[in-house]
PDB file of N, CA and C in Angstrom:
ATOM      1  N   MET A   1      93.916 135.925 106.046  1.00  0.00           N
ATOM      2  CA  MET A   1      94.422 135.144 104.949  1.00  0.00           C
ATOM      3  C   MET A   1      93.582 135.426 103.704  1.00  0.00           C
ATOM      4  N   ARG A   2      92.266 135.337 103.851  1.00  0.00           N
ATOM      5  CA  ARG A   2      91.391 135.578 102.699  1.00  0.00           C
ATOM      6  C   ARG A   2      91.351 137.058 102.342  1.00  0.00           C
ATOM      7  N   ASN A   3      91.313 137.910 103.345  1.00  0.00           N
ATOM      8  CA  ASN A   3      91.228 139.352 103.083  1.00  0.00           C
ATOM      9  C   ASN A   3      92.484 139.877 102.400  1.00  0.00           C
ATOM     10  N   GLU A   4      93.632 139.331 102.782  1.00  0.00           N
ATOM     11  CA  GLU A   4      94.902 139.811 102.238  1.00  0.00           C
ATOM     12  C   GLU A   4      95.431 138.922 101.118  1.00  0.00           C
ATOM     13  N   ASN A   5      94.668 137.911 100.725  1.00  0.00           N
ATOM     14  CA  ASN A   5      95.063 136.977  99.664  1.00  0.00           C
ATOM     15  C   ASN A   5      96.439 136.365  99.914  1.00  0.00           C
ATOM     16  N   LEU A   6      96.648 135.856 101.130  1.00  0.00           N
ATOM     17  CA  LEU A   6      97.915 135.229 101.488  1.00  0.00           C
ATOM     18  C   LEU A   6      97.817 133.717 101.325  1.00  0.00           C
ATOM     19  N   THR A   7      98.920 133.098 100.959  1.00  0.00           N
ATOM     20  CA  THR A   7      98.979 131.639 100.907  1.00  0.00           C
ATOM     21  C   THR A   7      99.192 131.131 102.328  1.00  0.00           C
ATOM     22  N   TYR A   8      99.132 129.801 102.504  1.00  0.00           N
ATOM     23  CA  TYR A   8      99.389 129.231 103.826  1.00  0.00           C
ATOM     24  C   TYR A   8     100.797 129.601 104.290  1.00  0.00           C
ATOM     25  N   SER A   9     101.773 129.470 103.405  1.00  0.00           N
ATOM     26  CA  SER A   9     103.165 129.764 103.778  1.00  0.00           C
ATOM     27  C   SER A   9     103.344 131.221 104.172  1.00  0.00           C
ATOM     28  N   GLU A  10     102.736 132.122 103.422  1.00  0.00           N
ATOM     29  CA  GLU A  10     102.840 133.546 103.745  1.00  0.00           C
ATOM     30  C   GLU A  10     102.167 133.849 105.081  1.00  0.00           C
ATOM     31  N   THR A  11     101.050 133.202 105.332  1.00  0.00           N
ATOM     32  CA  THR A  11     100.344 133.401 106.598  1.00  0.00           C
ATOM     33  C   THR A  11     101.178 132.881 107.761  1.00  0.00           C
ATOM     34  N   LEU A  12     101.831 131.728 107.571  1.00  0.00           N
ATOM     35  CA  LEU A  12     102.697 131.172 108.609  1.00  0.00           C
ATOM     36  C   LEU A  12     103.795 132.159 108.980  1.00  0.00           C
ATOM     37  N   SER A  13     104.449 132.711 107.967  1.00  0.00           N
ATOM     38  CA  SER A  13     105.556 133.637 108.222  1.00  0.00           C
ATOM     39  C   SER A  13     105.068 134.926 108.874  1.00  0.00           C
ATOM     40  N   LYS A  14     104.008 135.488 108.340  1.00  0.00           N
ATOM     41  CA  LYS A  14     103.531 136.790 108.812  1.00  0.00           C
ATOM     42  C   LYS A  14     103.112 136.749 110.280  1.00  0.00           C
ATOM     43  N   PHE A  15     102.424 135.667 110.688  1.00  0.00           N
ATOM     44  CA  PHE A  15     101.902 135.592 112.050  1.00  0.00           C
ATOM     45  C   PHE A  15     102.704 134.651 112.947  1.00  0.00           C
ATOM     46  N   ASN A  16     103.844 134.166 112.441  1.00  0.00           N
ATOM     47  CA  ASN A  16     104.743 133.305 113.218  1.00  0.00           C
ATOM     48  C   ASN A  16     104.011 132.081 113.780  1.00  0.00           C
ATOM     49  N   ILE A  17     103.296 131.390 112.918  1.00  0.00           N
ATOM     50  CA  ILE A  17     102.571 130.176 113.288  1.00  0.00           C
ATOM     51  C   ILE A  17     103.447 128.991 112.887  1.00  0.00           C
ATOM     52  N   PRO A  18     103.690 128.037 113.798  1.00  0.00           N
ATOM     53  CA  PRO A  18     104.665 126.978 113.523  1.00  0.00           C
ATOM     54  C   PRO A  18     104.219 125.880 112.553  1.00  0.00           C
ATOM     55  N   SER A  19     102.918 125.711 112.320  1.00  0.00           N
ATOM     56  CA  SER A  19     102.489 124.539 111.552  1.00  0.00           C
ATOM     57  C   SER A  19     101.372 124.866 110.567  1.00  0.00           C
ATOM     58  N   HIS A  20     101.451 124.234 109.379  1.00  0.00           N
ATOM     59  CA  HIS A  20     100.388 124.371 108.375  1.00  0.00           C
ATOM     60  C   HIS A  20      99.062 123.836 108.913  1.00  0.00           C
ATOM     61  N   SER A  21      99.156 122.749 109.686  1.00  0.00           N
ATOM     62  CA  SER A  21      97.931 122.098 110.161  1.00  0.00           C
ATOM     63  C   SER A  21      97.111 123.021 111.061  1.00  0.00           C
ATOM     64  N   THR A  22      97.778 123.915 111.767  1.00  0.00           N
ATOM     65  CA  THR A  22      97.061 124.865 112.622  1.00  0.00           C
ATOM     66  C   THR A  22      96.160 125.755 111.786  1.00  0.00           C
ATOM     67  N   ILE A  23      96.697 126.279 110.708  1.00  0.00           N
ATOM     68  CA  ILE A  23      95.913 127.165 109.842  1.00  0.00           C
ATOM     69  C   ILE A  23      94.785 126.391 109.173  1.00  0.00           C
ATOM     70  N   ILE A  24      95.088 125.192 108.725  1.00  0.00           N
ATOM     71  CA  ILE A  24      94.065 124.368 108.074  1.00  0.00           C
ATOM     72  C   ILE A  24      92.927 124.083 109.050  1.00  0.00           C
ATOM     73  N   ARG A  25      93.280 123.755 110.307  1.00  0.00           N
ATOM     74  CA  ARG A  25      92.266 123.470 111.327  1.00  0.00           C
ATOM     75  C   ARG A  25      91.431 124.718 111.618  1.00  0.00           C
ATOM     76  N   TRP A  26      92.085 125.871 111.766  1.00  0.00           N
ATOM     77  CA  TRP A  26      91.361 127.122 112.015  1.00  0.00           C
ATOM     78  C   TRP A  26      90.425 127.453 110.864  1.00  0.00           C
ATOM     79  N   LYS A  27      90.895 127.246 109.652  1.00  0.00           N
ATOM     80  CA  LYS A  27      90.065 127.547 108.480  1.00  0.00           C
ATOM     81  C   LYS A  27      88.830 126.649 108.454  1.00  0.00           C
ATOM     82  N   ARG A  28      89.028 125.351 108.754  1.00  0.00           N
ATOM     83  CA  ARG A  28      87.909 124.409 108.778  1.00  0.00           C
ATOM     84  C   ARG A  28      86.890 124.817 109.843  1.00  0.00           C
ATOM     85  N   ILE A  29      87.378 125.156 111.032  1.00  0.00           N
ATOM     86  CA  ILE A  29      86.482 125.575 112.116  1.00  0.00           C
ATOM     87  C   ILE A  29      85.719 126.828 111.708  1.00  0.00           C
ATOM     88  N   TYR A  30      86.418 127.787 111.107  1.00  0.00           N
ATOM     89  CA  TYR A  30      85.784 129.038 110.683  1.00  0.00           C
ATOM     90  C   TYR A  30      84.697 128.779 109.648  1.00  0.00           C
ATOM     91  N   LEU A  31      84.989 127.935 108.659  1.00  0.00           N
ATOM     92  CA  LEU A  31      84.022 127.672 107.597  1.00  0.00           C
ATOM     93  C   LEU A  31      82.825 126.860 108.089  1.00  0.00           C
ATOM     94  N   GLU A  32      83.068 125.916 109.003  1.00  0.00           N
ATOM     95  CA  GLU A  32      81.992 125.040 109.472  1.00  0.00           C
ATOM     96  C   GLU A  32      81.150 125.673 110.580  1.00  0.00           C
ATOM     97  N   GLU A  33      81.800 126.419 111.489  1.00  0.00           N
ATOM     98  CA  GLU A  33      81.100 126.867 112.694  1.00  0.00           C
ATOM     99  C   GLU A  33      81.051 128.379 112.866  1.00  0.00           C
ATOM    100  N   GLY A  34      81.805 129.105 112.052  1.00  0.00           N
ATOM    101  CA  GLY A  34      81.769 130.560 112.140  1.00  0.00           C
ATOM    102  C   GLY A  34      82.878 131.147 112.990  1.00  0.00           C
ATOM    103  N   LYS A  35      82.938 132.470 112.970  1.00  0.00           N
ATOM    104  CA  LYS A  35      84.003 133.218 113.636  1.00  0.00           C
ATOM    105  C   LYS A  35      84.015 132.989 115.152  1.00  0.00           C
ATOM    106  N   GLU A  36      82.839 132.887 115.762  1.00  0.00           N
ATOM    107  CA  GLU A  36      82.753 132.735 117.214  1.00  0.00           C
ATOM    108  C   GLU A  36      83.391 131.433 117.692  1.00  0.00           C
ATOM    109  N   ALA A  37      83.357 130.409 116.864  1.00  0.00           N
ATOM    110  CA  ALA A  37      83.895 129.102 117.252  1.00  0.00           C
ATOM    111  C   ALA A  37      85.405 129.142 117.434  1.00  0.00           C
ATOM    112  N   LEU A  38      86.070 130.113 116.826  1.00  0.00           N
ATOM    113  CA  LEU A  38      87.524 130.215 116.966  1.00  0.00           C
ATOM    114  C   LEU A  38      87.935 130.663 118.369  1.00  0.00           C
ATOM    115  N   HIS A  39      87.006 131.212 119.143  1.00  0.00           N
ATOM    116  CA  HIS A  39      87.309 131.667 120.499  1.00  0.00           C
ATOM    117  C   HIS A  39      87.232 130.525 121.515  1.00  0.00           C
ATOM    118  N   GLU A  40      86.670 129.390 121.133  1.00  0.00           N
ATOM    119  CA  GLU A  40      86.539 128.259 122.054  1.00  0.00           C
ATOM    120  C   GLU A  40      87.882 127.565 122.236  1.00  0.00           C
ATOM    121  N   GLU A  41      88.153 127.144 123.465  1.00  0.00           N
ATOM    122  CA  GLU A  41      89.367 126.392 123.758  1.00  0.00           C
ATOM    123  C   GLU A  41      89.165 124.955 123.301  1.00  0.00           C
ATOM    124  N   ARG A  42      90.046 124.448 122.468  1.00  0.00           N
ATOM    125  CA  ARG A  42      89.881 123.104 121.923  1.00  0.00           C
ATOM    126  C   ARG A  42      91.087 122.214 122.182  1.00  0.00           C
ATOM    127  N   ARG A  43      91.970 122.598 123.057  1.00  0.00           N
ATOM    128  CA  ARG A  43      93.152 121.781 123.310  1.00  0.00           C
ATOM    129  C   ARG A  43      92.825 120.646 124.269  1.00  0.00           C
ATOM    130  N   GLY A  44      93.588 119.574 124.186  1.00  0.00           N
ATOM    131  CA  GLY A  44      93.435 118.460 125.100  1.00  0.00           C
ATOM    132  C   GLY A  44      92.307 117.529 124.710  1.00  0.00           C
ATOM    133  N   ARG A  45      92.020 116.623 125.610  1.00  0.00           N
ATOM    134  CA  ARG A  45      90.959 115.648 125.357  1.00  0.00           C
ATOM    135  C   ARG A  45      89.594 116.303 125.475  1.00  0.00           C
ATOM    136  N   SER A  46      88.645 115.751 124.723  1.00  0.00           N
ATOM    137  CA  SER A  46      87.289 116.271 124.847  1.00  0.00           C
ATOM    138  C   SER A  46      86.696 115.796 126.165  1.00  0.00           C
ATOM    139  N   LYS A  47      85.792 116.596 126.701  1.00  0.00           N
ATOM    140  CA  LYS A  47      85.204 116.278 127.992  1.00  0.00           C
ATOM    141  C   LYS A  47      84.219 115.129 127.866  1.00  0.00           C
ATOM    142  N   VAL A  48      84.120 114.363 128.939  1.00  0.00           N
ATOM    143  CA  VAL A  48      83.198 113.239 128.980  1.00  0.00           C
ATOM    144  C   VAL A  48      81.810 113.776 129.280  1.00  0.00           C
ATOM    145  N   SER A  49      80.834 113.394 128.454  1.00  0.00           N
ATOM    146  CA  SER A  49      79.468 113.842 128.709  1.00  0.00           C
ATOM    147  C   SER A  49      78.629 112.672 129.195  1.00  0.00           C
ATOM    148  N   ASP A  50      77.891 112.899 130.243  1.00  0.00           N
ATOM    149  CA  ASP A  50      77.014 111.878 130.831  1.00  0.00           C
ATOM    150  C   ASP A  50      77.784 110.641 131.262  1.00  0.00           C
ATOM    151  N   GLY A  51      79.052 110.767 131.579  1.00  0.00           N
ATOM    152  CA  GLY A  51      79.824 109.633 132.050  1.00  0.00           C
ATOM    153  C   GLY A  51      80.149 108.618 130.978  1.00  0.00           C
ATOM    154  N   VAL A  52      79.906 108.929 129.733  1.00  0.00           N
ATOM    155  CA  VAL A  52      80.171 107.983 128.649  1.00  0.00           C
ATOM    156  C   VAL A  52      81.176 108.617 127.699  1.00  0.00           C
ATOM    157  N   ARG A  53      82.261 107.914 127.451  1.00  0.00           N
ATOM    158  CA  ARG A  53      83.265 108.422 126.518  1.00  0.00           C
ATOM    159  C   ARG A  53      82.811 108.161 125.098  1.00  0.00           C
ATOM    160  N   LYS A  54      83.358 108.965 124.183  1.00  0.00           N
ATOM    161  CA  LYS A  54      83.054 108.761 122.769  1.00  0.00           C
ATOM    162  C   LYS A  54      83.452 107.348 122.381  1.00  0.00           C
ATOM    163  N   GLY A  55      82.633 106.717 121.533  1.00  0.00           N
ATOM    164  CA  GLY A  55      82.968 105.395 121.046  1.00  0.00           C
ATOM    165  C   GLY A  55      82.436 104.264 121.902  1.00  0.00           C
ATOM    166  N   ARG A  56      82.091 104.532 123.129  1.00  0.00           N
ATOM    167  CA  ARG A  56      81.539 103.483 123.982  1.00  0.00           C
ATOM    168  C   ARG A  56      80.021 103.535 123.906  1.00  0.00           C
ATOM    169  N   LEU A  57      79.423 102.368 123.881  1.00  0.00           N
ATOM    170  CA  LEU A  57      77.968 102.297 123.824  1.00  0.00           C
ATOM    171  C   LEU A  57      77.394 102.281 125.233  1.00  0.00           C
ATOM    172  N   LYS A  58      76.248 102.894 125.382  1.00  0.00           N
ATOM    173  CA  LYS A  58      75.555 102.815 126.664  1.00  0.00           C
ATOM    174  C   LYS A  58      74.968 101.417 126.782  1.00  0.00           C
ATOM    175  N   LYS A  59      74.835 100.944 127.998  1.00  0.00           N
ATOM    176  CA  LYS A  59      74.240  99.627 128.191  1.00  0.00           C
ATOM    177  C   LYS A  59      72.762  99.705 127.861  1.00  0.00           C
ATOM    178  N   LEU A  60      72.322  98.768 127.032  1.00  0.00           N
ATOM    179  CA  LEU A  60      70.918  98.712 126.645  1.00  0.00           C
ATOM    180  C   LEU A  60      70.208  97.683 127.502  1.00  0.00           C
ATOM    181  N   SER A  61      68.916  97.844 127.631  1.00  0.00           N
ATOM    182  CA  SER A  61      68.156  96.876 128.409  1.00  0.00           C
ATOM    183  C   SER A  61      68.157  95.534 127.677  1.00  0.00           C
ATOM    184  N   LYS A  62      67.922  94.479 128.414  1.00  0.00           N
ATOM    185  CA  LYS A  62      67.910  93.125 127.859  1.00  0.00           C
ATOM    186  C   LYS A  62      66.865  93.009 126.754  1.00  0.00           C
ATOM    187  N   GLU A  63      65.711  93.613 126.961  1.00  0.00           N
ATOM    188  CA  GLU A  63      64.622  93.540 125.978  1.00  0.00           C
ATOM    189  C   GLU A  63      65.034  94.207 124.658  1.00  0.00           C
ATOM    190  N   ILE A  64      65.640  95.376 124.756  1.00  0.00           N
ATOM    191  CA  ILE A  64      66.072  96.085 123.545  1.00  0.00           C
ATOM    192  C   ILE A  64      67.163  95.294 122.834  1.00  0.00           C
ATOM    193  N   THR A  65      68.095  94.754 123.601  1.00  0.00           N
ATOM    194  CA  THR A  65      69.172  93.962 123.008  1.00  0.00           C
ATOM    195  C   THR A  65      68.610  92.752 122.275  1.00  0.00           C
ATOM    196  N   ASP A  66      67.669  92.051 122.904  1.00  0.00           N
ATOM    197  CA  ASP A  66      67.058  90.880 122.264  1.00  0.00           C
ATOM    198  C   ASP A  66      66.320  91.267 120.989  1.00  0.00           C
ATOM    199  N   ASP A  67      65.592  92.384 121.032  1.00  0.00           N
ATOM    200  CA  ASP A  67      64.879  92.848 119.835  1.00  0.00           C
ATOM    201  C   ASP A  67      65.853  93.167 118.707  1.00  0.00           C
ATOM    202  N   LEU A  68      66.963  93.796 119.052  1.00  0.00           N
ATOM    203  CA  LEU A  68      67.955  94.135 118.026  1.00  0.00           C
ATOM    204  C   LEU A  68      68.594  92.885 117.428  1.00  0.00           C
ATOM    205  N   ILE A  69      68.847  91.891 118.262  1.00  0.00           N
ATOM    206  CA  ILE A  69      69.419  90.637 117.768  1.00  0.00           C
ATOM    207  C   ILE A  69      68.441  89.948 116.826  1.00  0.00           C
ATOM    208  N   LYS A  70      67.160  89.902 117.218  1.00  0.00           N
ATOM    209  CA  LYS A  70      66.147  89.281 116.355  1.00  0.00           C
ATOM    210  C   LYS A  70      66.019  90.016 115.030  1.00  0.00           C
ATOM    211  N   GLU A  71      66.011  91.342 115.084  1.00  0.00           N
ATOM    212  CA  GLU A  71      65.902  92.118 113.846  1.00  0.00           C
ATOM    213  C   GLU A  71      67.125  91.897 112.957  1.00  0.00           C
ATOM    214  N   ASN A  72      68.288  91.837 113.570  1.00  0.00           N
ATOM    215  CA  ASN A  72      69.514  91.593 112.814  1.00  0.00           C
ATOM    216  C   ASN A  72      69.456  90.230 112.121  1.00  0.00           C
ATOM    217  N   GLN A  73      68.999  89.210 112.826  1.00  0.00           N
ATOM    218  CA  GLN A  73      68.878  87.875 112.231  1.00  0.00           C
ATOM    219  C   GLN A  73      67.865  87.876 111.092  1.00  0.00           C
ATOM    220  N   ARG A  74      66.745  88.562 111.287  1.00  0.00           N
ATOM    221  CA  ARG A  74      65.731  88.636 110.239  1.00  0.00           C
ATOM    222  C   ARG A  74      66.286  89.322 108.998  1.00  0.00           C
ATOM    223  N   LEU A  75      67.011  90.402 109.196  1.00  0.00           N
ATOM    224  CA  LEU A  75      67.586  91.125 108.061  1.00  0.00           C
ATOM    225  C   LEU A  75      68.644  90.294 107.339  1.00  0.00           C
ATOM    226  N   LYS A  76      69.414  89.519 108.093  1.00  0.00           N
ATOM    227  CA  LYS A  76      70.399  88.631 107.462  1.00  0.00           C
ATOM    228  C   LYS A  76      69.699  87.586 106.604  1.00  0.00           C
ATOM    229  N   MET A  77      68.612  87.019 107.136  1.00  0.00           N
ATOM    230  CA  MET A  77      67.866  86.015 106.373  1.00  0.00           C
ATOM    231  C   MET A  77      67.261  86.640 105.124  1.00  0.00           C
ATOM    232  N   GLU A  78      66.714  87.841 105.252  1.00  0.00           N
ATOM    233  CA  GLU A  78      66.141  88.529 104.101  1.00  0.00           C
ATOM    234  C   GLU A  78      67.214  88.802 103.052  1.00  0.00           C
ATOM    235  N   ASN A  79      68.374  89.199 103.500  1.00  0.00           N
ATOM    236  CA  ASN A  79      69.484  89.467 102.588  1.00  0.00           C
ATOM    237  C   ASN A  79      69.890  88.198 101.837  1.00  0.00           C
ATOM    238  N   GLU A  80      69.997  87.094 102.547  1.00  0.00           N
ATOM    239  CA  GLU A  80      70.341  85.819 101.903  1.00  0.00           C
ATOM    240  C   GLU A  80      69.274  85.414 100.887  1.00  0.00           C
ATOM    241  N   TYR A  81      68.008  85.582 101.256  1.00  0.00           N
ATOM    242  CA  TYR A  81      66.908  85.257 100.346  1.00  0.00           C
ATOM    243  C   TYR A  81      67.012  86.079  99.067  1.00  0.00           C
ATOM    244  N   LEU A  82      67.247  87.381  99.221  1.00  0.00           N
ATOM    245  CA  LEU A  82      67.339  88.256  98.051  1.00  0.00           C
ATOM    246  C   LEU A  82      68.545  87.903  97.182  1.00  0.00           C
ATOM    247  N   LYS A  83      69.643  87.509  97.803  1.00  0.00           N
ATOM    248  CA  LYS A  83      70.818  87.095  97.025  1.00  0.00           C
ATOM    249  C   LYS A  83      70.504  85.844  96.205  1.00  0.00           C
ATOM    250  N   LYS A  84      69.827  84.876  96.829  1.00  0.00           N
ATOM    251  CA  LYS A  84      69.482  83.643  96.116  1.00  0.00           C
ATOM    252  C   LYS A  84      68.479  83.919  95.006  1.00  0.00           C
ATOM    253  N   LEU A  85      67.509  84.781  95.270  1.00  0.00           N
ATOM    254  CA  LEU A  85      66.536  85.148  94.255  1.00  0.00           C
ATOM    255  C   LEU A  85      67.226  85.824  93.074  1.00  0.00           C
ATOM    256  N   ASP A  86      68.151  86.717  93.362  1.00  0.00           N
ATOM    257  CA  ASP A  86      68.897  87.399  92.307  1.00  0.00           C
ATOM    258  C   ASP A  86      69.703  86.392  91.485  1.00  0.00           C
ATOM    259  N   ALA A  87      70.339  85.443  92.154  1.00  0.00           N
ATOM    260  CA  ALA A  87      71.116  84.426  91.441  1.00  0.00           C
ATOM    261  C   ALA A  87      70.207  83.581  90.552  1.00  0.00           C
ATOM    262  N   LEU A  88      69.026  83.229  91.042  1.00  0.00           N
ATOM    263  CA  LEU A  88      68.076  82.441  90.262  1.00  0.00           C
ATOM    264  C   LEU A  88      67.618  83.214  89.023  1.00  0.00           C
ATOM    265  N   ILE A  89      67.291  84.477  89.196  1.00  0.00           N
ATOM    266  CA  ILE A  89      66.853  85.312  88.069  1.00  0.00           C
ATOM    267  C   ILE A  89      67.967  85.437  87.042  1.00  0.00           C
ATOM    268  N   ARG A  90      69.188  85.637  87.503  1.00  0.00           N
ATOM    269  CA  ARG A  90      70.320  85.762  86.575  1.00  0.00           C
ATOM    270  C   ARG A  90      70.563  84.463  85.809  1.00  0.00           C
ATOM    271  N   SER A  91      70.435  83.345  86.499  1.00  0.00           N
ATOM    272  CA  SER A  91      70.661  82.071  85.807  1.00  0.00           C
ATOM    273  C   SER A  91      69.585  81.834  84.749  1.00  0.00           C
ATOM    274  N   LYS A  92      68.337  82.190  85.049  1.00  0.00           N
ATOM    275  CA  LYS A  92      67.265  82.049  84.054  1.00  0.00           C
ATOM    276  C   LYS A  92      67.504  82.975  82.871  1.00  0.00           C
ATOM    277  N   GLN A  93      67.968  84.194  83.143  1.00  0.00           N
ATOM    278  CA  GLN A  93      68.263  85.130  82.056  1.00  0.00           C
ATOM    279  C   GLN A  93      69.408  84.612  81.190  1.00  0.00           C
ATOM    280  N   ASN A  94      70.410  84.023  81.815  1.00  0.00           N
ATOM    281  CA  ASN A  94      71.538  83.467  81.059  1.00  0.00           C
ATOM    282  C   ASN A  94      71.090  82.292  80.192  1.00  0.00           C
ATOM    283  N   GLN A  95      70.188  81.470  80.718  1.00  0.00           N
ATOM    284  CA  GLN A  95      69.678  80.338  79.936  1.00  0.00           C
ATOM    285  C   GLN A  95      68.893  80.832  78.733  1.00  0.00           C
ATOM    286  N   GLN A  96      68.116  81.903  78.911  1.00  0.00           N
ATOM    287  CA  GLN A  96      67.334  82.446  77.800  1.00  0.00           C
ATOM    288  C   GLN A  96      68.247  83.067  76.747  1.00  0.00           C
ATOM    289  N   LYS A  97      69.343  83.663  77.149  1.00  0.00           N
ATOM    290  CA  LYS A  97      70.279  84.255  76.198  1.00  0.00           C
ATOM    291  C   LYS A  97      70.966  83.173  75.370  1.00  0.00           C
ATOM    292  N   LYS A  98      71.214  82.021  75.958  1.00  0.00           N
ATOM    293  CA  LYS A  98      71.896  80.931  75.255  1.00  0.00           C
ATOM    294  C   LYS A  98      71.006  80.308  74.191  1.00  0.00           C
ATOM    295  N   LYS A  99      69.692  80.405  74.354  1.00  0.00           N
ATOM    296  CA  LYS A  99      68.771  79.785  73.399  1.00  0.00           C
ATOM    297  C   LYS A  99      68.640  80.564  72.165  1.00  0.00           C
TER     298      LYS A  99
END
């Protein structure tokens, strides 16, 4: 396509490819991963690695979960504090502008 300066439509006709998306996908793979990546079979579902499917979280230990919950609560409190501090500073600035 690039060597012969063909458009997507011209490439579809010349090589009898049924869909634009196929060429777009091949081009993305080529640009991101190189020529060798085009030889890999990519049809169907991706394989499960380590018994965990994509999108599912591994079970964490109770200690790690508790630590994460505590950190999350601390960060929420810090965020609320900073929001209130910002509101206080803005109100003082507005009062000074009115004077």
